[in-house]
Amino acid sequence: EAGPLALKYDSTLDAAQQAAMMEASVPLVYTGEDHIGWMRDEVWQGMYDILLEQALLDQPFDVHEAYTMEFLEGIYGGEQ
């Protein structure tokens, strides 16, 4: 069955909206500047700063402890 996989689990979702959200996320997954899935520290820091500023985090923490590049570095050899 074609279409967003989420519809398999929740038939009340709107297929067109799900497809649009997936399409909108492509630039986040592949920026054209780095390998697919590569994450930059400044992006994580920026999101952390916004969440902290908006009081959406219960308490401050070291954002570098929230993710790891180990898997991607293993695949790509540590290159961006």
PDB file of N, CA and C in Angstrom:
ATOM      1  N   GLU A   1       0.849  -1.181   0.000  1.00  0.00           N
ATOM      2  CA  GLU A   1       0.000   0.000   0.000  1.00  0.00           C
ATOM      3  C   GLU A   1       0.890   1.237   0.000  1.00  0.00           C
ATOM      4  N   ALA A   2       0.659   2.123  -0.943  1.00  0.00           N
ATOM      5  CA  ALA A   2       1.454   3.344  -1.048  1.00  0.00           C
ATOM      6  C   ALA A   2       0.963   4.382  -0.048  1.00  0.00           C
ATOM      7  N   GLY A   3       1.818   5.291   0.276  1.00  0.00           N
ATOM      8  CA  GLY A   3       1.454   6.382   1.164  1.00  0.00           C
ATOM      9  C   GLY A   3       2.266   6.341   2.436  1.00  0.00           C
ATOM     10  N   PRO A   4       2.108   7.375   3.271  1.00  0.00           N
ATOM     11  CA  PRO A   4       2.866   7.439   4.516  1.00  0.00           C
ATOM     12  C   PRO A   4       2.582   6.228   5.407  1.00  0.00           C
ATOM     13  N   LEU A   5       3.624   5.660   5.957  1.00  0.00           N
ATOM     14  CA  LEU A   5       3.522   4.492   6.819  1.00  0.00           C
ATOM     15  C   LEU A   5       2.669   4.761   8.048  1.00  0.00           C
ATOM     16  N   ALA A   6       2.637   5.992   8.518  1.00  0.00           N
ATOM     17  CA  ALA A   6       1.853   6.341   9.706  1.00  0.00           C
ATOM     18  C   ALA A   6       0.384   5.974   9.535  1.00  0.00           C
ATOM     19  N   LEU A   7      -0.116   5.999   8.294  1.00  0.00           N
ATOM     20  CA  LEU A   7      -1.521   5.677   8.049  1.00  0.00           C
ATOM     21  C   LEU A   7      -1.826   4.221   8.369  1.00  0.00           C
ATOM     22  N   LYS A   8      -0.823   3.368   8.287  1.00  0.00           N
ATOM     23  CA  LYS A   8      -0.996   1.954   8.628  1.00  0.00           C
ATOM     24  C   LYS A   8      -1.369   1.809  10.103  1.00  0.00           C
ATOM     25  N   TYR A   9      -0.869   2.716  10.929  1.00  0.00           N
ATOM     26  CA  TYR A   9      -1.076   2.647  12.366  1.00  0.00           C
ATOM     27  C   TYR A   9      -2.194   3.554  12.865  1.00  0.00           C
ATOM     28  N   ASP A  10      -2.572   4.537  12.076  1.00  0.00           N
ATOM     29  CA  ASP A  10      -3.629   5.459  12.471  1.00  0.00           C
ATOM     30  C   ASP A  10      -4.383   5.908  11.227  1.00  0.00           C
ATOM     31  N   SER A  11      -5.458   5.231  10.933  1.00  0.00           N
ATOM     32  CA  SER A  11      -6.218   5.512   9.717  1.00  0.00           C
ATOM     33  C   SER A  11      -6.968   6.844   9.775  1.00  0.00           C
ATOM     34  N   THR A  12      -6.988   7.499  10.933  1.00  0.00           N
ATOM     35  CA  THR A  12      -7.667   8.792  11.033  1.00  0.00           C
ATOM     36  C   THR A  12      -6.793   9.940  10.535  1.00  0.00           C
ATOM     37  N   LEU A  13      -5.514   9.660  10.271  1.00  0.00           N
ATOM     38  CA  LEU A  13      -4.622  10.714   9.785  1.00  0.00           C
ATOM     39  C   LEU A  13      -4.968  11.069   8.349  1.00  0.00           C
ATOM     40  N   ASP A  14      -4.701  12.306   7.984  1.00  0.00           N
ATOM     41  CA  ASP A  14      -4.931  12.781   6.628  1.00  0.00           C
ATOM     42  C   ASP A  14      -3.707  12.448   5.774  1.00  0.00           C
ATOM     43  N   ALA A  15      -3.904  11.656   4.727  1.00  0.00           N
ATOM     44  CA  ALA A  15      -2.804  11.188   3.887  1.00  0.00           C
ATOM     45  C   ALA A  15      -2.046  12.346   3.236  1.00  0.00           C
ATOM     46  N   ALA A  16      -2.766  13.330   2.740  1.00  0.00           N
ATOM     47  CA  ALA A  16      -2.109  14.467   2.079  1.00  0.00           C
ATOM     48  C   ALA A  16      -1.261  15.259   3.074  1.00  0.00           C
ATOM     49  N   GLN A  17      -1.768  15.445   4.282  1.00  0.00           N
ATOM     50  CA  GLN A  17      -1.016  16.181   5.291  1.00  0.00           C
ATOM     51  C   GLN A  17       0.230  15.393   5.705  1.00  0.00           C
ATOM     52  N   GLN A  18       0.098  14.089   5.882  1.00  0.00           N
ATOM     53  CA  GLN A  18       1.234  13.260   6.251  1.00  0.00           C
ATOM     54  C   GLN A  18       2.306  13.294   5.165  1.00  0.00           C
ATOM     55  N   ALA A  19       1.896  13.207   3.907  1.00  0.00           N
ATOM     56  CA  ALA A  19       2.843  13.270   2.794  1.00  0.00           C
ATOM     57  C   ALA A  19       3.533  14.630   2.747  1.00  0.00           C
ATOM     58  N   ALA A  20       2.781  15.707   2.987  1.00  0.00           N
ATOM     59  CA  ALA A  20       3.363  17.054   2.982  1.00  0.00           C
ATOM     60  C   ALA A  20       4.378  17.210   4.109  1.00  0.00           C
ATOM     61  N   MET A  21       4.075  16.642   5.282  1.00  0.00           N
ATOM     62  CA  MET A  21       5.014  16.737   6.399  1.00  0.00           C
ATOM     63  C   MET A  21       6.291  15.954   6.095  1.00  0.00           C
ATOM     64  N   MET A  22       6.149  14.795   5.471  1.00  0.00           N
ATOM     65  CA  MET A  22       7.336  14.018   5.101  1.00  0.00           C
ATOM     66  C   MET A  22       8.180  14.786   4.085  1.00  0.00           C
ATOM     67  N   GLU A  23       7.524  15.368   3.100  1.00  0.00           N
ATOM     68  CA  GLU A  23       8.233  16.142   2.073  1.00  0.00           C
ATOM     69  C   GLU A  23       8.960  17.334   2.693  1.00  0.00           C
ATOM     70  N   ALA A  24       8.307  18.002   3.648  1.00  0.00           N
ATOM     71  CA  ALA A  24       8.913  19.157   4.303  1.00  0.00           C
ATOM     72  C   ALA A  24      10.125  18.770   5.145  1.00  0.00           C
ATOM     73  N   SER A  25      10.190  17.529   5.595  1.00  0.00           N
ATOM     74  CA  SER A  25      11.307  17.095   6.441  1.00  0.00           C
ATOM     75  C   SER A  25      12.543  16.690   5.644  1.00  0.00           C
ATOM     76  N   VAL A  26      12.416  16.497   4.340  1.00  0.00           N
ATOM     77  CA  VAL A  26      13.558  16.068   3.524  1.00  0.00           C
ATOM     78  C   VAL A  26      14.776  16.984   3.690  1.00  0.00           C
ATOM     79  N   PRO A  27      14.625  18.316   3.648  1.00  0.00           N
ATOM     80  CA  PRO A  27      15.803  19.182   3.818  1.00  0.00           C
ATOM     81  C   PRO A  27      16.467  19.048   5.192  1.00  0.00           C
ATOM     82  N   LEU A  28      15.729  18.567   6.178  1.00  0.00           N
ATOM     83  CA  LEU A  28      16.314  18.359   7.495  1.00  0.00           C
ATOM     84  C   LEU A  28      17.158  17.090   7.528  1.00  0.00           C
ATOM     85  N   VAL A  29      16.772  16.109   6.720  1.00  0.00           N
ATOM     86  CA  VAL A  29      17.488  14.838   6.667  1.00  0.00           C
ATOM     87  C   VAL A  29      18.685  14.942   5.729  1.00  0.00           C
ATOM     88  N   TYR A  30      18.482  15.560   4.576  1.00  0.00           N
ATOM     89  CA  TYR A  30      19.571  15.731   3.611  1.00  0.00           C
ATOM     90  C   TYR A  30      19.657  17.191   3.204  1.00  0.00           C
ATOM     91  N   THR A  31      20.654  17.881   3.745  1.00  0.00           N
ATOM     92  CA  THR A  31      20.811  19.320   3.497  1.00  0.00           C
ATOM     93  C   THR A  31      21.526  19.625   2.198  1.00  0.00           C
ATOM     94  N   GLY A  32      22.187  18.630   1.627  1.00  0.00           N
ATOM     95  CA  GLY A  32      23.005  18.850   0.439  1.00  0.00           C
ATOM     96  C   GLY A  32      24.414  19.292   0.796  1.00  0.00           C
ATOM     97  N   GLU A  33      24.638  19.590   2.073  1.00  0.00           N
ATOM     98  CA  GLU A  33      25.957  20.024   2.538  1.00  0.00           C
ATOM     99  C   GLU A  33      26.710  18.914   3.247  1.00  0.00           C
ATOM    100  N   ASP A  34      25.981  18.016   3.882  1.00  0.00           N
ATOM    101  CA  ASP A  34      26.589  16.956   4.665  1.00  0.00           C
ATOM    102  C   ASP A  34      26.026  15.608   4.214  1.00  0.00           C
ATOM    103  N   HIS A  35      26.566  14.541   4.778  1.00  0.00           N
ATOM    104  CA  HIS A  35      26.012  13.222   4.523  1.00  0.00           C
ATOM    105  C   HIS A  35      24.584  13.148   5.063  1.00  0.00           C
ATOM    106  N   ILE A  36      23.796  12.238   4.510  1.00  0.00           N
ATOM    107  CA  ILE A  36      22.427  12.043   4.984  1.00  0.00           C
ATOM    108  C   ILE A  36      22.451  11.678   6.459  1.00  0.00           C
ATOM    109  N   GLY A  37      21.651  12.405   7.236  1.00  0.00           N
ATOM    110  CA  GLY A  37      21.542  12.151   8.660  1.00  0.00           C
ATOM    111  C   GLY A  37      22.552  12.872   9.530  1.00  0.00           C
ATOM    112  N   TRP A  38      23.584  13.473   8.917  1.00  0.00           N
ATOM    113  CA  TRP A  38      24.633  14.151   9.688  1.00  0.00           C
ATOM    114  C   TRP A  38      24.028  15.297  10.486  1.00  0.00           C
ATOM    115  N   MET A  39      24.439  15.443  11.729  1.00  0.00           N
ATOM    116  CA  MET A  39      23.891  16.480  12.600  1.00  0.00           C
ATOM    117  C   MET A  39      24.999  17.444  13.001  1.00  0.00           C
ATOM    118  N   ARG A  40      24.682  18.716  12.948  1.00  0.00           N
ATOM    119  CA  ARG A  40      25.653  19.744  13.327  1.00  0.00           C
ATOM    120  C   ARG A  40      25.362  20.261  14.729  1.00  0.00           C
ATOM    121  N   ASP A  41      26.441  20.488  15.471  1.00  0.00           N
ATOM    122  CA  ASP A  41      26.304  20.984  16.844  1.00  0.00           C
ATOM    123  C   ASP A  41      25.477  22.259  16.916  1.00  0.00           C
ATOM    124  N   GLU A  42      25.694  23.178  15.969  1.00  0.00           N
ATOM    125  CA  GLU A  42      24.997  24.464  16.037  1.00  0.00           C
ATOM    126  C   GLU A  42      23.485  24.316  15.866  1.00  0.00           C
ATOM    127  N   VAL A  43      23.040  23.298  15.136  1.00  0.00           N
ATOM    128  CA  VAL A  43      21.606  23.070  14.976  1.00  0.00           C
ATOM    129  C   VAL A  43      21.009  22.588  16.296  1.00  0.00           C
ATOM    130  N   TRP A  44      21.689  21.631  16.927  1.00  0.00           N
ATOM    131  CA  TRP A  44      21.221  21.143  18.225  1.00  0.00           C
ATOM    132  C   TRP A  44      21.234  22.270  19.259  1.00  0.00           C
ATOM    133  N   GLN A  45      22.292  23.048  19.259  1.00  0.00           N
ATOM    134  CA  GLN A  45      22.394  24.149  20.218  1.00  0.00           C
ATOM    135  C   GLN A  45      21.291  25.173  19.985  1.00  0.00           C
ATOM    136  N   GLY A  46      21.018  25.478  18.732  1.00  0.00           N
ATOM    137  CA  GLY A  46      19.967  26.440  18.399  1.00  0.00           C
ATOM    138  C   GLY A  46      18.599  25.974  18.873  1.00  0.00           C
ATOM    139  N   MET A  47      18.296  24.696  18.643  1.00  0.00           N
ATOM    140  CA  MET A  47      17.007  24.159  19.088  1.00  0.00           C
ATOM    141  C   MET A  47      16.922  24.156  20.613  1.00  0.00           C
ATOM    142  N   TYR A  48      18.010  23.765  21.244  1.00  0.00           N
ATOM    143  CA  TYR A  48      18.063  23.774  22.708  1.00  0.00           C
ATOM    144  C   TYR A  48      17.802  25.189  23.240  1.00  0.00           C
ATOM    145  N   ASP A  49      18.461  26.183  22.647  1.00  0.00           N
ATOM    146  CA  ASP A  49      18.298  27.571  23.093  1.00  0.00           C
ATOM    147  C   ASP A  49      16.841  28.025  22.975  1.00  0.00           C
ATOM    148  N   ILE A  50      16.189  27.656  21.875  1.00  0.00           N
ATOM    149  CA  ILE A  50      14.783  28.020  21.673  1.00  0.00           C
ATOM    150  C   ILE A  50      13.904  27.347  22.720  1.00  0.00           C
ATOM    151  N   LEU A  51      14.105  26.049  22.923  1.00  0.00           N
ATOM    152  CA  LEU A  51      13.291  25.319  23.898  1.00  0.00           C
ATOM    153  C   LEU A  51      13.488  25.872  25.306  1.00  0.00           C
ATOM    154  N   LEU A  52      14.719  26.218  25.635  1.00  0.00           N
ATOM    155  CA  LEU A  52      15.005  26.785  26.955  1.00  0.00           C
ATOM    156  C   LEU A  52      14.358  28.163  27.095  1.00  0.00           C
ATOM    157  N   GLU A  53      14.507  28.988  26.069  1.00  0.00           N
ATOM    158  CA  GLU A  53      13.929  30.334  26.080  1.00  0.00           C
ATOM    159  C   GLU A  53      12.411  30.293  26.213  1.00  0.00           C
ATOM    160  N   GLN A  54      11.773  29.319  25.582  1.00  0.00           N
ATOM    161  CA  GLN A  54      10.321  29.200  25.620  1.00  0.00           C
ATOM    162  C   GLN A  54       9.830  28.448  26.862  1.00  0.00           C
ATOM    163  N   ALA A  55      10.749  28.110  27.759  1.00  0.00           N
ATOM    164  CA  ALA A  55      10.432  27.389  29.001  1.00  0.00           C
ATOM    165  C   ALA A  55       9.777  26.039  28.724  1.00  0.00           C
ATOM    166  N   LEU A  56      10.217  25.388  27.637  1.00  0.00           N
ATOM    167  CA  LEU A  56       9.688  24.076  27.289  1.00  0.00           C
ATOM    168  C   LEU A  56      10.547  22.940  27.850  1.00  0.00           C
ATOM    169  N   LEU A  57      11.633  23.304  28.494  1.00  0.00           N
ATOM    170  CA  LEU A  57      12.481  22.327  29.165  1.00  0.00           C
ATOM    171  C   LEU A  57      12.311  22.493  30.668  1.00  0.00           C
ATOM    172  N   ASP A  58      12.233  21.377  31.376  1.00  0.00           N
ATOM    173  CA  ASP A  58      12.074  21.437  32.829  1.00  0.00           C
ATOM    174  C   ASP A  58      13.290  22.040  33.509  1.00  0.00           C
ATOM    175  N   GLN A  59      14.473  21.746  32.961  1.00  0.00           N
ATOM    176  CA  GLN A  59      15.709  22.278  33.535  1.00  0.00           C
ATOM    177  C   GLN A  59      16.801  22.286  32.479  1.00  0.00           C
ATOM    178  N   PRO A  60      17.781  23.159  32.619  1.00  0.00           N
ATOM    179  CA  PRO A  60      18.894  23.198  31.664  1.00  0.00           C
ATOM    180  C   PRO A  60      19.710  21.909  31.738  1.00  0.00           C
ATOM    181  N   PHE A  61      20.358  21.569  30.646  1.00  0.00           N
ATOM    182  CA  PHE A  61      21.246  20.415  30.590  1.00  0.00           C
ATOM    183  C   PHE A  61      22.275  20.644  29.499  1.00  0.00           C
ATOM    184  N   ASP A  62      23.276  19.804  29.450  1.00  0.00           N
ATOM    185  CA  ASP A  62      24.315  19.890  28.417  1.00  0.00           C
ATOM    186  C   ASP A  62      23.763  19.274  27.140  1.00  0.00           C
ATOM    187  N   VAL A  63      23.475  20.099  26.153  1.00  0.00           N
ATOM    188  CA  VAL A  63      22.854  19.631  24.912  1.00  0.00           C
ATOM    189  C   VAL A  63      23.722  18.588  24.210  1.00  0.00           C
ATOM    190  N   HIS A  64      25.016  18.626  24.419  1.00  0.00           N
ATOM    191  CA  HIS A  64      25.908  17.651  23.778  1.00  0.00           C
ATOM    192  C   HIS A  64      25.744  16.253  24.358  1.00  0.00           C
ATOM    193  N   GLU A  65      25.057  16.165  25.500  1.00  0.00           N
ATOM    194  CA  GLU A  65      24.761  14.862  26.093  1.00  0.00           C
ATOM    195  C   GLU A  65      23.452  14.283  25.552  1.00  0.00           C
ATOM    196  N   ALA A  66      22.749  15.041  24.718  1.00  0.00           N
ATOM    197  CA  ALA A  66      21.437  14.624  24.221  1.00  0.00           C
ATOM    198  C   ALA A  66      21.523  13.799  22.945  1.00  0.00           C
ATOM    199  N   TYR A  67      22.661  13.760  22.308  1.00  0.00           N
ATOM    200  CA  TYR A  67      22.794  13.021  21.052  1.00  0.00           C
ATOM    201  C   TYR A  67      24.221  12.534  20.900  1.00  0.00           C
ATOM    202  N   THR A  68      24.392  11.603  19.963  1.00  0.00           N
ATOM    203  CA  THR A  68      25.719  11.105  19.650  1.00  0.00           C
ATOM    204  C   THR A  68      25.861  10.973  18.139  1.00  0.00           C
ATOM    205  N   MET A  69      27.050  11.179  17.677  1.00  0.00           N
ATOM    206  CA  MET A  69      27.354  11.015  16.253  1.00  0.00           C
ATOM    207  C   MET A  69      28.080   9.690  16.008  1.00  0.00           C
ATOM    208  N   GLU A  70      28.199   8.881  17.029  1.00  0.00           N
ATOM    209  CA  GLU A  70      28.976   7.643  16.960  1.00  0.00           C
ATOM    210  C   GLU A  70      28.558   6.759  15.780  1.00  0.00           C
ATOM    211  N   PHE A  71      27.271   6.536  15.614  1.00  0.00           N
ATOM    212  CA  PHE A  71      26.792   5.680  14.535  1.00  0.00           C
ATOM    213  C   PHE A  71      27.166   6.245  13.166  1.00  0.00           C
ATOM    214  N   LEU A  72      26.896   7.538  12.961  1.00  0.00           N
ATOM    215  CA  LEU A  72      27.191   8.161  11.670  1.00  0.00           C
ATOM    216  C   LEU A  72      28.693   8.257  11.415  1.00  0.00           C
ATOM    217  N   GLU A  73      29.459   8.541  12.457  1.00  0.00           N
ATOM    218  CA  GLU A  73      30.914   8.593  12.294  1.00  0.00           C
ATOM    219  C   GLU A  73      31.454   7.217  11.915  1.00  0.00           C
ATOM    220  N   GLY A  74      30.836   6.163  12.435  1.00  0.00           N
ATOM    221  CA  GLY A  74      31.237   4.807  12.073  1.00  0.00           C
ATOM    222  C   GLY A  74      30.969   4.522  10.600  1.00  0.00           C
ATOM    223  N   ILE A  75      29.869   5.035  10.097  1.00  0.00           N
ATOM    224  CA  ILE A  75      29.507   4.823   8.699  1.00  0.00           C
ATOM    225  C   ILE A  75      30.375   5.679   7.771  1.00  0.00           C
ATOM    226  N   TYR A  76      30.490   6.958   8.095  1.00  0.00           N
ATOM    227  CA  TYR A  76      31.162   7.906   7.211  1.00  0.00           C
ATOM    228  C   TYR A  76      32.618   8.155   7.571  1.00  0.00           C
ATOM    229  N   GLY A  77      33.110   7.525   8.611  1.00  0.00           N
ATOM    230  CA  GLY A  77      34.508   7.698   8.998  1.00  0.00           C
ATOM    231  C   GLY A  77      34.795   9.047   9.629  1.00  0.00           C
ATOM    232  N   GLY A  78      33.804   9.677  10.255  1.00  0.00           N
ATOM    233  CA  GLY A  78      34.015  10.936  10.949  1.00  0.00           C
ATOM    234  C   GLY A  78      34.007  12.146  10.046  1.00  0.00           C
ATOM    235  N   GLU A  79      33.791  11.951   8.744  1.00  0.00           N
ATOM    236  CA  GLU A  79      33.760  13.083   7.811  1.00  0.00           C
ATOM    237  C   GLU A  79      32.387  13.714   7.758  1.00  0.00           C
ATOM    238  N   GLN A  80      32.345  15.005   7.503  1.00  0.00           N
ATOM    239  CA  GLN A  80      31.057  15.669   7.276  1.00  0.00           C
ATOM    240  C   GLN A  80      30.679  15.533   5.837  1.00  0.00           C
TER     241      GLN A  80
END
